[in-house]
PDB file of N, CA and C in Angstrom:
ATOM      1  N   MET A   1     -20.938 127.412  25.541  1.00  0.00           N
ATOM      2  CA  MET A   1     -21.586 126.970  24.176  1.00  0.00           C
ATOM      3  C   MET A   1     -19.903 128.111  23.785  1.00  0.00           C
ATOM      4  N   SER A   2     -20.186 129.223  24.227  1.00  0.00           N
ATOM      5  CA  SER A   2     -18.964 130.433  23.622  1.00  0.00           C
ATOM      6  C   SER A   2     -17.898 130.110  24.700  1.00  0.00           C
ATOM      7  N   LYS A   3     -16.919 130.521  23.911  1.00  0.00           N
ATOM      8  CA  LYS A   3     -15.283 130.116  24.886  1.00  0.00           C
ATOM      9  C   LYS A   3     -14.924 132.010  24.806  1.00  0.00           C
ATOM     10  N   LYS A   4     -14.357 132.459  25.693  1.00  0.00           N
ATOM     11  CA  LYS A   4     -13.800 133.500  25.750  1.00  0.00           C
ATOM     12  C   LYS A   4     -12.707 133.381  25.190  1.00  0.00           C
ATOM     13  N   VAL A   5     -11.850 134.565  24.269  1.00  0.00           N
ATOM     14  CA  VAL A   5     -10.736 134.399  23.614  1.00  0.00           C
ATOM     15  C   VAL A   5     -10.180 135.847  24.014  1.00  0.00           C
ATOM     16  N   GLY A   6      -8.650 135.737  23.740  1.00  0.00           N
ATOM     17  CA  GLY A   6      -8.279 136.894  23.779  1.00  0.00           C
ATOM     18  C   GLY A   6      -8.162 137.950  22.686  1.00  0.00           C
ATOM     19  N   PRO A   7      -7.565 139.092  22.870  1.00  0.00           N
ATOM     20  CA  PRO A   7      -7.793 140.044  21.741  1.00  0.00           C
ATOM     21  C   PRO A   7      -6.869 139.786  20.772  1.00  0.00           C
ATOM     22  N   LYS A   8      -5.782 138.996  20.865  1.00  0.00           N
ATOM     23  CA  LYS A   8      -5.152 138.681  19.687  1.00  0.00           C
ATOM     24  C   LYS A   8      -5.878 137.672  18.849  1.00  0.00           C
ATOM     25  N   GLU A   9      -6.304 136.569  19.636  1.00  0.00           N
ATOM     26  CA  GLU A   9      -7.090 135.549  19.080  1.00  0.00           C
ATOM     27  C   GLU A   9      -8.096 136.233  18.428  1.00  0.00           C
ATOM     28  N   TYR A  10      -8.894 137.374  18.717  1.00  0.00           N
ATOM     29  CA  TYR A  10      -9.986 137.985  18.257  1.00  0.00           C
ATOM     30  C   TYR A  10      -9.395 138.403  17.034  1.00  0.00           C
ATOM     31  N   GLU A  11      -8.737 139.455  16.881  1.00  0.00           N
ATOM     32  CA  GLU A  11      -7.896 139.734  15.669  1.00  0.00           C
ATOM     33  C   GLU A  11      -7.635 138.798  14.539  1.00  0.00           C
ATOM     34  N   VAL A  12      -7.109 137.611  15.171  1.00  0.00           N
ATOM     35  CA  VAL A  12      -6.747 136.750  14.043  1.00  0.00           C
ATOM     36  C   VAL A  12      -7.917 136.269  13.480  1.00  0.00           C
ATOM     37  N   ALA A  13      -9.078 135.830  14.077  1.00  0.00           N
ATOM     38  CA  ALA A  13     -10.139 135.350  13.457  1.00  0.00           C
ATOM     39  C   ALA A  13     -10.814 136.570  12.793  1.00  0.00           C
ATOM     40  N   TRP A  14     -10.932 137.732  13.199  1.00  0.00           N
ATOM     41  CA  TRP A  14     -11.509 138.685  12.074  1.00  0.00           C
ATOM     42  C   TRP A  14     -10.508 138.883  11.006  1.00  0.00           C
ATOM     43  N   ARG A  15      -9.277 138.678  11.075  1.00  0.00           N
ATOM     44  CA  ARG A  15      -8.635 138.800   9.603  1.00  0.00           C
ATOM     45  C   ARG A  15      -8.974 137.999   8.996  1.00  0.00           C
ATOM     46  N   SER A  16      -8.976 136.437   9.643  1.00  0.00           N
ATOM     47  CA  SER A  16      -9.171 135.520   8.583  1.00  0.00           C
ATOM     48  C   SER A  16     -11.063 135.545   7.969  1.00  0.00           C
ATOM     49  N   VAL A  17     -11.801 136.109   8.779  1.00  0.00           N
ATOM     50  CA  VAL A  17     -12.719 136.213   8.097  1.00  0.00           C
ATOM     51  C   VAL A  17     -13.093 137.540   6.641  1.00  0.00           C
ATOM     52  N   LEU A  18     -12.421 138.657   7.216  1.00  0.00           N
ATOM     53  CA  LEU A  18     -11.841 139.450   6.468  1.00  0.00           C
ATOM     54  C   LEU A  18     -11.207 139.001   5.099  1.00  0.00           C
ATOM     55  N   ASP A  19     -10.252 138.072   5.168  1.00  0.00           N
ATOM     56  CA  ASP A  19      -9.867 137.728   4.166  1.00  0.00           C
ATOM     57  C   ASP A  19     -10.661 136.689   2.959  1.00  0.00           C
ATOM     58  N   CYS A  20     -11.496 135.854   3.893  1.00  0.00           N
ATOM     59  CA  CYS A  20     -12.505 135.008   3.206  1.00  0.00           C
ATOM     60  C   CYS A  20     -13.536 136.273   2.198  1.00  0.00           C
ATOM     61  N   VAL A  21     -13.685 137.376   2.902  1.00  0.00           N
ATOM     62  CA  VAL A  21     -14.958 138.138   2.309  1.00  0.00           C
ATOM     63  C   VAL A  21     -14.202 138.659   0.963  1.00  0.00           C
ATOM     64  N   ASP A  22     -12.859 139.163   1.249  1.00  0.00           N
ATOM     65  CA  ASP A  22     -11.949 139.713   0.097  1.00  0.00           C
ATOM     66  C   ASP A  22     -12.182 138.416  -1.280  1.00  0.00           C
ATOM     67  N   GLY A  23     -11.651 137.167  -0.834  1.00  0.00           N
ATOM     68  CA  GLY A  23     -11.543 136.265  -1.780  1.00  0.00           C
ATOM     69  C   GLY A  23     -12.740 136.431  -2.457  1.00  0.00           C
ATOM     70  N   ILE A  24     -14.035 136.262  -1.743  1.00  0.00           N
ATOM     71  CA  ILE A  24     -15.233 136.023  -2.505  1.00  0.00           C
ATOM     72  C   ILE A  24     -15.637 137.128  -3.226  1.00  0.00           C
ATOM     73  N   LYS A  25     -15.398 138.828  -2.990  1.00  0.00           N
ATOM     74  CA  LYS A  25     -15.559 139.561  -3.922  1.00  0.00           C
ATOM     75  C   LYS A  25     -14.448 139.327  -5.055  1.00  0.00           C
ATOM     76  N   GLU A  26     -13.265 138.922  -4.935  1.00  0.00           N
ATOM     77  CA  GLU A  26     -12.669 139.170  -6.043  1.00  0.00           C
ATOM     78  C   GLU A  26     -13.533 137.627  -6.999  1.00  0.00           C
ATOM     79  N   GLU A  27     -13.521 136.595  -6.686  1.00  0.00           N
ATOM     80  CA  GLU A  27     -14.644 135.708  -7.413  1.00  0.00           C
ATOM     81  C   GLU A  27     -15.701 135.845  -7.939  1.00  0.00           C
ATOM     82  N   LEU A  28     -16.329 137.067  -7.183  1.00  0.00           N
ATOM     83  CA  LEU A  28     -17.642 137.612  -7.805  1.00  0.00           C
ATOM     84  C   LEU A  28     -17.204 138.283  -8.763  1.00  0.00           C
ATOM     85  N   SER A  29     -16.116 139.536  -8.918  1.00  0.00           N
ATOM     86  CA  SER A  29     -15.824 140.067  -9.956  1.00  0.00           C
ATOM     87  C   SER A  29     -15.401 139.579 -10.903  1.00  0.00           C
ATOM     88  N   TRP A  30     -14.749 138.547 -10.669  1.00  0.00           N
ATOM     89  CA  TRP A  30     -14.052 137.357 -11.736  1.00  0.00           C
ATOM     90  C   TRP A  30     -15.303 136.740 -12.872  1.00  0.00           C
ATOM     91  N   SER A  31     -16.222 136.694 -11.677  1.00  0.00           N
ATOM     92  CA  SER A  31     -17.551 136.119 -12.522  1.00  0.00           C
ATOM     93  C   SER A  31     -18.140 137.016 -13.216  1.00  0.00           C
ATOM     94  N   LYS A  32     -18.532 138.195 -12.663  1.00  0.00           N
ATOM     95  CA  LYS A  32     -18.897 139.387 -13.598  1.00  0.00           C
ATOM     96  C   LYS A  32     -18.418 139.521 -14.910  1.00  0.00           C
ATOM     97  N   ASP A  33     -17.259 139.548 -14.810  1.00  0.00           N
ATOM     98  CA  ASP A  33     -16.023 139.823 -15.945  1.00  0.00           C
ATOM     99  C   ASP A  33     -16.469 138.721 -17.110  1.00  0.00           C
ATOM    100  N   VAL A  34     -16.301 137.588 -16.977  1.00  0.00           N
ATOM    101  CA  VAL A  34     -16.568 136.322 -17.545  1.00  0.00           C
ATOM    102  C   VAL A  34     -17.744 136.307 -18.152  1.00  0.00           C
ATOM    103  N   THR A  35     -19.005 136.691 -17.184  1.00  0.00           N
ATOM    104  CA  THR A  35     -20.476 136.863 -18.013  1.00  0.00           C
ATOM    105  C   THR A  35     -20.418 138.107 -18.932  1.00  0.00           C
ATOM    106  N   ALA A  36     -19.966 139.072 -18.411  1.00  0.00           N
ATOM    107  CA  ALA A  36     -20.258 140.183 -19.385  1.00  0.00           C
ATOM    108  C   ALA A  36     -19.502 139.968 -20.667  1.00  0.00           C
ATOM    109  N   LYS A  37     -18.161 139.041 -20.696  1.00  0.00           N
ATOM    110  CA  LYS A  37     -17.883 138.739 -22.307  1.00  0.00           C
ATOM    111  C   LYS A  37     -18.502 137.643 -23.004  1.00  0.00           C
ATOM    112  N   ILE A  38     -19.077 136.771 -22.178  1.00  0.00           N
ATOM    113  CA  ILE A  38     -20.423 135.816 -22.646  1.00  0.00           C
ATOM    114  C   ILE A  38     -21.175 136.806 -23.624  1.00  0.00           C
ATOM    115  N   LEU A  39     -21.515 137.661 -22.762  1.00  0.00           N
ATOM    116  CA  LEU A  39     -23.139 138.520 -23.166  1.00  0.00           C
ATOM    117  C   LEU A  39     -22.711 139.188 -24.476  1.00  0.00           C
ATOM    118  N   ILE A  40     -21.602 139.945 -24.301  1.00  0.00           N
ATOM    119  CA  ILE A  40     -20.943 140.538 -25.281  1.00  0.00           C
ATOM    120  C   ILE A  40     -20.828 139.908 -26.843  1.00  0.00           C
ATOM    121  N   GLU A  41     -20.029 138.781 -26.610  1.00  0.00           N
ATOM    122  CA  GLU A  41     -19.859 137.826 -27.675  1.00  0.00           C
ATOM    123  C   GLU A  41     -21.303 137.319 -28.103  1.00  0.00           C
ATOM    124  N   LEU A  42     -22.229 137.098 -27.252  1.00  0.00           N
ATOM    125  CA  LEU A  42     -23.577 136.846 -28.259  1.00  0.00           C
ATOM    126  C   LEU A  42     -24.394 137.530 -28.601  1.00  0.00           C
ATOM    127  N   ALA A  43     -23.980 139.092 -28.356  1.00  0.00           N
ATOM    128  CA  ALA A  43     -24.605 140.252 -28.668  1.00  0.00           C
ATOM    129  C   ALA A  43     -24.204 140.407 -30.593  1.00  0.00           C
ATOM    130  N   GLY A  44     -22.864 139.672 -30.185  1.00  0.00           N
ATOM    131  CA  GLY A  44     -22.288 140.551 -31.676  1.00  0.00           C
ATOM    132  C   GLY A  44     -22.506 139.138 -32.465  1.00  0.00           C
ATOM    133  N   LYS A  45     -22.685 138.149 -32.062  1.00  0.00           N
ATOM    134  CA  LYS A  45     -23.301 136.744 -32.698  1.00  0.00           C
ATOM    135  C   LYS A  45     -24.604 137.383 -33.406  1.00  0.00           C
ATOM    136  N   ILE A  46     -25.543 137.729 -32.507  1.00  0.00           N
ATOM    137  CA  ILE A  46     -26.773 138.205 -33.030  1.00  0.00           C
ATOM    138  C   ILE A  46     -27.247 139.278 -33.635  1.00  0.00           C
ATOM    139  N   GLU A  47     -26.211 139.888 -33.758  1.00  0.00           N
ATOM    140  CA  GLU A  47     -25.992 141.344 -34.532  1.00  0.00           C
ATOM    141  C   GLU A  47     -25.641 140.576 -36.120  1.00  0.00           C
ATOM    142  N   ASN A  48     -24.762 139.513 -35.984  1.00  0.00           N
ATOM    143  CA  ASN A  48     -24.198 139.234 -37.394  1.00  0.00           C
ATOM    144  C   ASN A  48     -25.171 138.545 -38.045  1.00  0.00           C
ATOM    145  N   GLU A  49     -26.160 137.999 -37.152  1.00  0.00           N
ATOM    146  CA  GLU A  49     -27.177 136.886 -38.023  1.00  0.00           C
ATOM    147  C   GLU A  49     -28.150 137.781 -38.349  1.00  0.00           C
ATOM    148  N   GLU A  50     -28.480 138.913 -38.091  1.00  0.00           N
ATOM    149  CA  GLU A  50     -29.618 139.765 -38.112  1.00  0.00           C
ATOM    150  C   GLU A  50     -29.040 140.528 -39.766  1.00  0.00           C
ATOM    151  N   ASP A  51     -27.785 140.601 -39.661  1.00  0.00           N
ATOM    152  CA  ASP A  51     -27.533 141.376 -41.252  1.00  0.00           C
ATOM    153  C   ASP A  51     -27.791 140.755 -42.081  1.00  0.00           C
TER     154      ASP A  51
END
């Protein structure tokens, strides 16, 4: 089932995996920023309603 790969193929495969991980990190960071902005806006609306 497994196939031996050469050092260059191995390195290319790992680079691909690491690129995917970096993309996921970037996406999660963007998502957290959007979520934080939405929560800040909601908190502002709630404060305005209480006044």
